[in-house]
């Protein structure tokens, strides 16, 4: 069989060179993985890649602390969740101008926050970041309600009905109060632990290097300030 030589027009050659030039000068993106690894890439995707929002923290057979998006077999693990409303690093929401929910569950938040000595503006910021004040919110890993309580956490806190707004707020605020006490009132560490777990905060002696958690803590800070200013 004779192979015919390929012929290119001047126009097609110019288009090909332009396309190669675009790839060569593609923007370099920085990706921070949940285990702290940093990756730089200039590969452009035609559509956003699927991002896992569930990670498992566990110790492998050699006792090394590990993170994976696959549930480990024959190992005790802790579920880490990164799919809350304010957790997406690439969110296009302007957190300085997005509307606040100042009138929702106002009485419940004020009363419960006072009982547990937590700033009600911080409670509103956490609820906003976790569920955008949706009492029926449920994450992919099972976090429930306004303050996105994990089932095990809700059980420990005695929250029988996580989708009941008052019970959910009470449980979430009690947990937040415990974290604030643990970190001597440091809001950034307490909210980082609320998102990624106290173990991760201890492991990294501060805010974990997870892009999702770092975005969450920054946005909590913005929302907290705005809710305080709103009174």
C-alpha atoms as a PDB file:
ATOM      1  CA  UNK A   1       0.000   0.000   0.000  1.00  0.00           C
ATOM      2  CA  UNK A   2       1.401   3.373  -0.968  1.00  0.00           C
ATOM      3  CA  UNK A   3       1.179   6.120   1.623  1.00  0.00           C
ATOM      4  CA  UNK A   4       0.287   9.497   0.200  1.00  0.00           C
ATOM      5  CA  UNK A   5       2.385  12.378   1.555  1.00  0.00           C
ATOM      6  CA  UNK A   6       0.492  14.811   3.788  1.00  0.00           C
ATOM      7  CA  UNK A   7       0.037  18.313   2.429  1.00  0.00           C
ATOM      8  CA  UNK A   8      -0.365  21.423   4.576  1.00  0.00           C
ATOM      9  CA  UNK A   9      -1.559  24.808   3.472  1.00  0.00           C
ATOM     10  CA  UNK A  10       0.190  27.945   4.712  1.00  0.00           C
ATOM     11  CA  UNK A  11      -2.934  28.817   6.736  1.00  0.00           C
ATOM     12  CA  UNK A  12      -3.008  25.454   8.546  1.00  0.00           C
ATOM     13  CA  UNK A  13       0.684  25.784   9.409  1.00  0.00           C
ATOM     14  CA  UNK A  14       0.130  29.229  10.920  1.00  0.00           C
ATOM     15  CA  UNK A  15      -2.807  27.944  13.004  1.00  0.00           C
ATOM     16  CA  UNK A  16      -0.732  25.022  14.277  1.00  0.00           C
ATOM     17  CA  UNK A  17       2.125  27.315  15.294  1.00  0.00           C
ATOM     18  CA  UNK A  18      -0.306  29.600  17.150  1.00  0.00           C
ATOM     19  CA  UNK A  19      -1.797  26.685  19.022  1.00  0.00           C
ATOM     20  CA  UNK A  20       1.639  25.443  20.057  1.00  0.00           C
ATOM     21  CA  UNK A  21       2.535  28.929  21.178  1.00  0.00           C
ATOM     22  CA  UNK A  22      -0.528  29.099  23.376  1.00  0.00           C
ATOM     23  CA  UNK A  23       0.407  25.803  25.024  1.00  0.00           C
ATOM     24  CA  UNK A  24       3.977  26.917  25.547  1.00  0.00           C
ATOM     25  CA  UNK A  25       2.893  30.119  27.261  1.00  0.00           C
ATOM     26  CA  UNK A  26      -0.039  28.628  29.154  1.00  0.00           C
ATOM     27  CA  UNK A  27      -0.477  29.986  32.651  1.00  0.00           C
ATOM     28  CA  UNK A  28       1.288  27.966  35.298  1.00  0.00           C
ATOM     29  CA  UNK A  29      -1.148  26.890  38.014  1.00  0.00           C
ATOM     30  CA  UNK A  30      -0.242  26.064  41.606  1.00  0.00           C
ATOM     31  CA  UNK A  31      -2.148  23.136  43.140  1.00  0.00           C
ATOM     32  CA  UNK A  32      -1.937  22.355  46.844  1.00  0.00           C
ATOM     33  CA  UNK A  33      -2.932  18.751  47.562  1.00  0.00           C
ATOM     34  CA  UNK A  34      -4.531  17.696  50.879  1.00  0.00           C
ATOM     35  CA  UNK A  35      -1.323  15.977  51.987  1.00  0.00           C
ATOM     36  CA  UNK A  36       0.582  19.241  51.652  1.00  0.00           C
ATOM     37  CA  UNK A  37       2.240  18.454  48.313  1.00  0.00           C
ATOM     38  CA  UNK A  38       2.500  21.431  45.955  1.00  0.00           C
ATOM     39  CA  UNK A  39       2.224  20.824  42.212  1.00  0.00           C
ATOM     40  CA  UNK A  40       2.892  23.306  39.404  1.00  0.00           C
ATOM     41  CA  UNK A  41       1.455  22.634  35.965  1.00  0.00           C
ATOM     42  CA  UNK A  42       0.798  24.520  32.720  1.00  0.00           C
ATOM     43  CA  UNK A  43      -1.498  21.851  31.320  1.00  0.00           C
ATOM     44  CA  UNK A  44      -4.770  23.492  30.427  1.00  0.00           C
ATOM     45  CA  UNK A  45      -7.968  21.487  30.803  1.00  0.00           C
ATOM     46  CA  UNK A  46     -10.923  21.838  28.457  1.00  0.00           C
ATOM     47  CA  UNK A  47     -13.201  21.226  31.428  1.00  0.00           C
ATOM     48  CA  UNK A  48     -12.606  21.315  35.164  1.00  0.00           C
ATOM     49  CA  UNK A  49     -11.199  18.094  36.540  1.00  0.00           C
ATOM     50  CA  UNK A  50     -13.199  16.220  39.094  1.00  0.00           C
ATOM     51  CA  UNK A  51     -11.954  17.136  42.555  1.00  0.00           C
ATOM     52  CA  UNK A  52     -12.379  14.793  45.455  1.00  0.00           C
ATOM     53  CA  UNK A  53     -13.983  16.475  48.440  1.00  0.00           C
ATOM     54  CA  UNK A  54     -13.504  13.531  50.774  1.00  0.00           C
ATOM     55  CA  UNK A  55     -10.164  12.566  52.234  1.00  0.00           C
ATOM     56  CA  UNK A  56      -9.179   9.978  54.808  1.00  0.00           C
ATOM     57  CA  UNK A  57      -6.467  10.506  57.406  1.00  0.00           C
ATOM     58  CA  UNK A  58      -4.909   7.350  58.808  1.00  0.00           C
ATOM     59  CA  UNK A  59      -1.639   5.697  59.783  1.00  0.00           C
ATOM     60  CA  UNK A  60      -0.333   3.068  57.396  1.00  0.00           C
ATOM     61  CA  UNK A  61       1.212  -0.280  58.344  1.00  0.00           C
ATOM     62  CA  UNK A  62       4.516   1.474  59.123  1.00  0.00           C
ATOM     63  CA  UNK A  63       2.838   3.991  61.421  1.00  0.00           C
ATOM     64  CA  UNK A  64       3.282   6.870  58.968  1.00  0.00           C
ATOM     65  CA  UNK A  65       0.488   9.464  58.951  1.00  0.00           C
ATOM     66  CA  UNK A  66      -1.116   9.324  55.512  1.00  0.00           C
ATOM     67  CA  UNK A  67      -3.873  11.020  53.527  1.00  0.00           C
ATOM     68  CA  UNK A  68      -5.872   9.462  50.717  1.00  0.00           C
ATOM     69  CA  UNK A  69      -9.030  10.036  48.701  1.00  0.00           C
ATOM     70  CA  UNK A  70      -9.667   6.286  48.883  1.00  0.00           C
ATOM     71  CA  UNK A  71     -11.004   4.718  52.061  1.00  0.00           C
ATOM     72  CA  UNK A  72      -8.154   2.724  53.644  1.00  0.00           C
ATOM     73  CA  UNK A  73      -8.638  -0.972  54.330  1.00  0.00           C
ATOM     74  CA  UNK A  74      -7.826  -2.493  57.715  1.00  0.00           C
ATOM     75  CA  UNK A  75      -6.913   0.854  59.237  1.00  0.00           C
ATOM     76  CA  UNK A  76      -8.584   3.281  61.608  1.00  0.00           C
ATOM     77  CA  UNK A  77      -9.216   6.507  59.727  1.00  0.00           C
ATOM     78  CA  UNK A  78     -10.670   9.965  60.187  1.00  0.00           C
ATOM     79  CA  UNK A  79     -12.892  11.477  57.500  1.00  0.00           C
ATOM     80  CA  UNK A  80     -11.845  14.953  56.442  1.00  0.00           C
ATOM     81  CA  UNK A  81     -14.386  17.026  54.582  1.00  0.00           C
ATOM     82  CA  UNK A  82     -13.670  19.799  52.121  1.00  0.00           C
ATOM     83  CA  UNK A  83     -17.028  20.300  50.454  1.00  0.00           C
ATOM     84  CA  UNK A  84     -18.613  23.024  52.564  1.00  0.00           C
ATOM     85  CA  UNK A  85     -20.047  26.185  51.006  1.00  0.00           C
ATOM     86  CA  UNK A  86     -16.866  28.248  51.552  1.00  0.00           C
ATOM     87  CA  UNK A  87     -14.291  25.487  51.024  1.00  0.00           C
ATOM     88  CA  UNK A  88     -13.803  25.658  47.269  1.00  0.00           C
ATOM     89  CA  UNK A  89     -10.478  27.433  46.569  1.00  0.00           C
ATOM     90  CA  UNK A  90     -11.668  28.473  43.117  1.00  0.00           C
ATOM     91  CA  UNK A  91     -14.972  29.953  44.288  1.00  0.00           C
ATOM     92  CA  UNK A  92     -15.967  33.069  42.351  1.00  0.00           C
ATOM     93  CA  UNK A  93     -18.028  34.447  45.215  1.00  0.00           C
ATOM     94  CA  UNK A  94     -16.879  37.859  46.397  1.00  0.00           C
ATOM     95  CA  UNK A  95     -16.845  37.271  50.143  1.00  0.00           C
ATOM     96  CA  UNK A  96     -16.543  40.994  50.816  1.00  0.00           C
ATOM     97  CA  UNK A  97     -19.829  41.774  49.108  1.00  0.00           C
ATOM     98  CA  UNK A  98     -21.904  38.571  49.127  1.00  0.00           C
ATOM     99  CA  UNK A  99     -25.240  39.187  50.942  1.00  0.00           C
ATOM    100  CA  UNK A 100     -25.277  38.334  54.643  1.00  0.00           C
ATOM    101  CA  UNK A 101     -28.003  36.371  56.451  1.00  0.00           C
ATOM    102  CA  UNK A 102     -28.439  38.700  59.409  1.00  0.00           C
ATOM    103  CA  UNK A 103     -32.106  37.926  60.053  1.00  0.00           C
ATOM    104  CA  UNK A 104     -32.078  34.108  59.912  1.00  0.00           C
ATOM    105  CA  UNK A 105     -32.240  32.189  63.195  1.00  0.00           C
ATOM    106  CA  UNK A 106     -31.360  35.431  64.956  1.00  0.00           C
ATOM    107  CA  UNK A 107     -32.931  34.577  68.319  1.00  0.00           C
ATOM    108  CA  UNK A 108     -31.530  31.031  68.393  1.00  0.00           C
ATOM    109  CA  UNK A 109     -28.021  32.182  67.515  1.00  0.00           C
ATOM    110  CA  UNK A 110     -28.001  35.016  70.065  1.00  0.00           C
ATOM    111  CA  UNK A 111     -29.308  32.805  72.859  1.00  0.00           C
ATOM    112  CA  UNK A 112     -27.107  29.764  72.200  1.00  0.00           C
ATOM    113  CA  UNK A 113     -23.982  31.853  71.561  1.00  0.00           C
ATOM    114  CA  UNK A 114     -24.475  33.608  74.908  1.00  0.00           C
ATOM    115  CA  UNK A 115     -24.900  30.299  76.747  1.00  0.00           C
ATOM    116  CA  UNK A 116     -21.583  29.001  75.401  1.00  0.00           C
ATOM    117  CA  UNK A 117     -19.738  32.346  75.469  1.00  0.00           C
ATOM    118  CA  UNK A 118     -19.111  32.470  71.729  1.00  0.00           C
ATOM    119  CA  UNK A 119     -19.329  35.602  69.603  1.00  0.00           C
ATOM    120  CA  UNK A 120     -22.675  35.364  67.743  1.00  0.00           C
ATOM    121  CA  UNK A 121     -21.058  37.017  64.714  1.00  0.00           C
ATOM    122  CA  UNK A 122     -18.599  34.111  64.573  1.00  0.00           C
ATOM    123  CA  UNK A 123     -21.471  31.624  64.781  1.00  0.00           C
ATOM    124  CA  UNK A 124     -23.168  33.353  61.848  1.00  0.00           C
ATOM    125  CA  UNK A 125     -19.896  33.327  59.908  1.00  0.00           C
ATOM    126  CA  UNK A 126     -19.460  29.586  60.454  1.00  0.00           C
ATOM    127  CA  UNK A 127     -23.055  28.799  59.488  1.00  0.00           C
ATOM    128  CA  UNK A 128     -22.695  30.967  56.384  1.00  0.00           C
ATOM    129  CA  UNK A 129     -19.425  29.258  55.427  1.00  0.00           C
ATOM    130  CA  UNK A 130     -20.700  25.761  56.158  1.00  0.00           C
ATOM    131  CA  UNK A 131     -24.168  25.720  54.632  1.00  0.00           C
ATOM    132  CA  UNK A 132     -25.173  29.232  53.524  1.00  0.00           C
ATOM    133  CA  UNK A 133     -27.897  28.963  56.203  1.00  0.00           C
ATOM    134  CA  UNK A 134     -29.523  25.918  54.588  1.00  0.00           C
ATOM    135  CA  UNK A 135     -30.897  23.770  57.461  1.00  0.00           C
ATOM    136  CA  UNK A 136     -31.266  20.754  55.142  1.00  0.00           C
ATOM    137  CA  UNK A 137     -27.716  20.895  53.773  1.00  0.00           C
ATOM    138  CA  UNK A 138     -25.954  17.551  53.530  1.00  0.00           C
ATOM    139  CA  UNK A 139     -22.365  17.118  52.336  1.00  0.00           C
ATOM    140  CA  UNK A 140     -20.999  14.246  50.262  1.00  0.00           C
ATOM    141  CA  UNK A 141     -19.441  12.703  53.355  1.00  0.00           C
ATOM    142  CA  UNK A 142     -22.568  13.044  55.473  1.00  0.00           C
ATOM    143  CA  UNK A 143     -22.116  16.347  57.340  1.00  0.00           C
ATOM    144  CA  UNK A 144     -25.576  17.629  58.200  1.00  0.00           C
ATOM    145  CA  UNK A 145     -27.558  20.778  58.753  1.00  0.00           C
ATOM    146  CA  UNK A 146     -26.709  24.425  59.318  1.00  0.00           C
ATOM    147  CA  UNK A 147     -23.326  23.870  60.969  1.00  0.00           C
ATOM    148  CA  UNK A 148     -22.588  20.686  58.995  1.00  0.00           C
ATOM    149  CA  UNK A 149     -22.135  18.311  61.911  1.00  0.00           C
ATOM    150  CA  UNK A 150     -20.635  14.941  61.092  1.00  0.00           C
ATOM    151  CA  UNK A 151     -22.826  12.095  62.420  1.00  0.00           C
ATOM    152  CA  UNK A 152     -20.192  10.947  64.920  1.00  0.00           C
ATOM    153  CA  UNK A 153     -19.728  14.510  66.195  1.00  0.00           C
ATOM    154  CA  UNK A 154     -23.482  15.024  66.457  1.00  0.00           C
ATOM    155  CA  UNK A 155     -23.789  11.798  68.437  1.00  0.00           C
ATOM    156  CA  UNK A 156     -21.003  12.828  70.815  1.00  0.00           C
ATOM    157  CA  UNK A 157     -22.695  16.177  71.346  1.00  0.00           C
ATOM    158  CA  UNK A 158     -26.091  14.587  71.947  1.00  0.00           C
ATOM    159  CA  UNK A 159     -27.690  16.107  68.855  1.00  0.00           C
ATOM    160  CA  UNK A 160     -30.564  13.731  68.129  1.00  0.00           C
ATOM    161  CA  UNK A 161     -31.934  15.643  65.111  1.00  0.00           C
ATOM    162  CA  UNK A 162     -29.128  17.297  63.130  1.00  0.00           C
ATOM    163  CA  UNK A 163     -31.597  18.850  60.685  1.00  0.00           C
ATOM    164  CA  UNK A 164     -33.435  20.592  63.497  1.00  0.00           C
ATOM    165  CA  UNK A 165     -31.989  24.133  63.318  1.00  0.00           C
ATOM    166  CA  UNK A 166     -31.971  24.782  67.064  1.00  0.00           C
ATOM    167  CA  UNK A 167     -30.370  21.435  67.921  1.00  0.00           C
ATOM    168  CA  UNK A 168     -27.831  21.785  65.123  1.00  0.00           C
ATOM    169  CA  UNK A 169     -26.818  25.298  66.161  1.00  0.00           C
ATOM    170  CA  UNK A 170     -26.516  24.239  69.796  1.00  0.00           C
ATOM    171  CA  UNK A 171     -24.311  21.275  68.909  1.00  0.00           C
ATOM    172  CA  UNK A 172     -22.180  23.274  66.478  1.00  0.00           C
ATOM    173  CA  UNK A 173     -21.678  26.149  68.891  1.00  0.00           C
ATOM    174  CA  UNK A 174     -20.752  23.784  71.722  1.00  0.00           C
ATOM    175  CA  UNK A 175     -18.167  22.140  69.482  1.00  0.00           C
ATOM    176  CA  UNK A 176     -16.854  25.525  68.348  1.00  0.00           C
ATOM    177  CA  UNK A 177     -16.634  26.656  71.993  1.00  0.00           C
ATOM    178  CA  UNK A 178     -14.568  23.559  72.844  1.00  0.00           C
ATOM    179  CA  UNK A 179     -12.194  24.297  69.967  1.00  0.00           C
ATOM    180  CA  UNK A 180     -11.842  27.939  71.005  1.00  0.00           C
ATOM    181  CA  UNK A 181     -11.011  26.827  74.525  1.00  0.00           C
ATOM    182  CA  UNK A 182      -8.526  24.273  73.204  1.00  0.00           C
ATOM    183  CA  UNK A 183      -6.710  26.919  71.154  1.00  0.00           C
ATOM    184  CA  UNK A 184      -6.957  29.645  73.794  1.00  0.00           C
ATOM    185  CA  UNK A 185      -9.362  31.792  71.812  1.00  0.00           C
ATOM    186  CA  UNK A 186      -7.433  31.640  68.530  1.00  0.00           C
ATOM    187  CA  UNK A 187     -10.230  31.859  65.982  1.00  0.00           C
ATOM    188  CA  UNK A 188      -8.078  30.887  62.995  1.00  0.00           C
ATOM    189  CA  UNK A 189      -6.922  27.655  64.631  1.00  0.00           C
ATOM    190  CA  UNK A 190     -10.388  26.869  65.982  1.00  0.00           C
ATOM    191  CA  UNK A 191     -12.026  27.305  62.584  1.00  0.00           C
ATOM    192  CA  UNK A 192      -9.227  25.382  60.846  1.00  0.00           C
ATOM    193  CA  UNK A 193      -9.905  22.520  63.276  1.00  0.00           C
ATOM    194  CA  UNK A 194     -13.651  22.834  62.677  1.00  0.00           C
ATOM    195  CA  UNK A 195     -12.951  22.209  58.993  1.00  0.00           C
ATOM    196  CA  UNK A 196     -10.016  19.786  58.881  1.00  0.00           C
ATOM    197  CA  UNK A 197     -10.090  18.328  62.388  1.00  0.00           C
ATOM    198  CA  UNK A 198      -7.950  19.067  65.469  1.00  0.00           C
ATOM    199  CA  UNK A 199      -5.554  16.279  64.492  1.00  0.00           C
ATOM    200  CA  UNK A 200      -4.555  18.090  61.306  1.00  0.00           C
ATOM    201  CA  UNK A 201      -3.987  21.345  63.207  1.00  0.00           C
ATOM    202  CA  UNK A 202      -1.786  19.531  65.708  1.00  0.00           C
ATOM    203  CA  UNK A 203       0.078  17.714  62.950  1.00  0.00           C
ATOM    204  CA  UNK A 204       1.068  20.955  61.204  1.00  0.00           C
ATOM    205  CA  UNK A 205       1.312  23.127  64.335  1.00  0.00           C
ATOM    206  CA  UNK A 206      -1.111  25.584  62.776  1.00  0.00           C
ATOM    207  CA  UNK A 207      -3.456  25.913  59.839  1.00  0.00           C
ATOM    208  CA  UNK A 208      -2.959  22.783  57.663  1.00  0.00           C
ATOM    209  CA  UNK A 209      -1.512  23.379  54.178  1.00  0.00           C
ATOM    210  CA  UNK A 210      -4.735  22.250  52.506  1.00  0.00           C
ATOM    211  CA  UNK A 211      -5.961  24.762  49.923  1.00  0.00           C
ATOM    212  CA  UNK A 212      -9.554  24.103  50.995  1.00  0.00           C
ATOM    213  CA  UNK A 213      -8.907  24.703  54.701  1.00  0.00           C
ATOM    214  CA  UNK A 214      -6.843  27.814  54.067  1.00  0.00           C
ATOM    215  CA  UNK A 215      -9.582  29.246  51.849  1.00  0.00           C
ATOM    216  CA  UNK A 216     -12.172  28.362  54.502  1.00  0.00           C
ATOM    217  CA  UNK A 217     -10.271  30.104  57.308  1.00  0.00           C
ATOM    218  CA  UNK A 218      -9.730  33.261  55.228  1.00  0.00           C
ATOM    219  CA  UNK A 219     -13.393  33.442  54.293  1.00  0.00           C
ATOM    220  CA  UNK A 220     -14.519  32.833  57.865  1.00  0.00           C
ATOM    221  CA  UNK A 221     -12.360  35.811  58.835  1.00  0.00           C
ATOM    222  CA  UNK A 222     -14.035  38.015  56.237  1.00  0.00           C
ATOM    223  CA  UNK A 223     -17.541  36.879  57.160  1.00  0.00           C
ATOM    224  CA  UNK A 224     -16.850  37.251  60.902  1.00  0.00           C
ATOM    225  CA  UNK A 225     -15.718  40.843  60.423  1.00  0.00           C
ATOM    226  CA  UNK A 226     -18.712  41.662  58.238  1.00  0.00           C
ATOM    227  CA  UNK A 227     -21.243  40.105  60.601  1.00  0.00           C
ATOM    228  CA  UNK A 228     -19.724  42.042  63.507  1.00  0.00           C
ATOM    229  CA  UNK A 229     -19.950  45.269  61.532  1.00  0.00           C
ATOM    230  CA  UNK A 230     -23.552  44.471  60.626  1.00  0.00           C
ATOM    231  CA  UNK A 231     -24.350  44.216  64.314  1.00  0.00           C
END
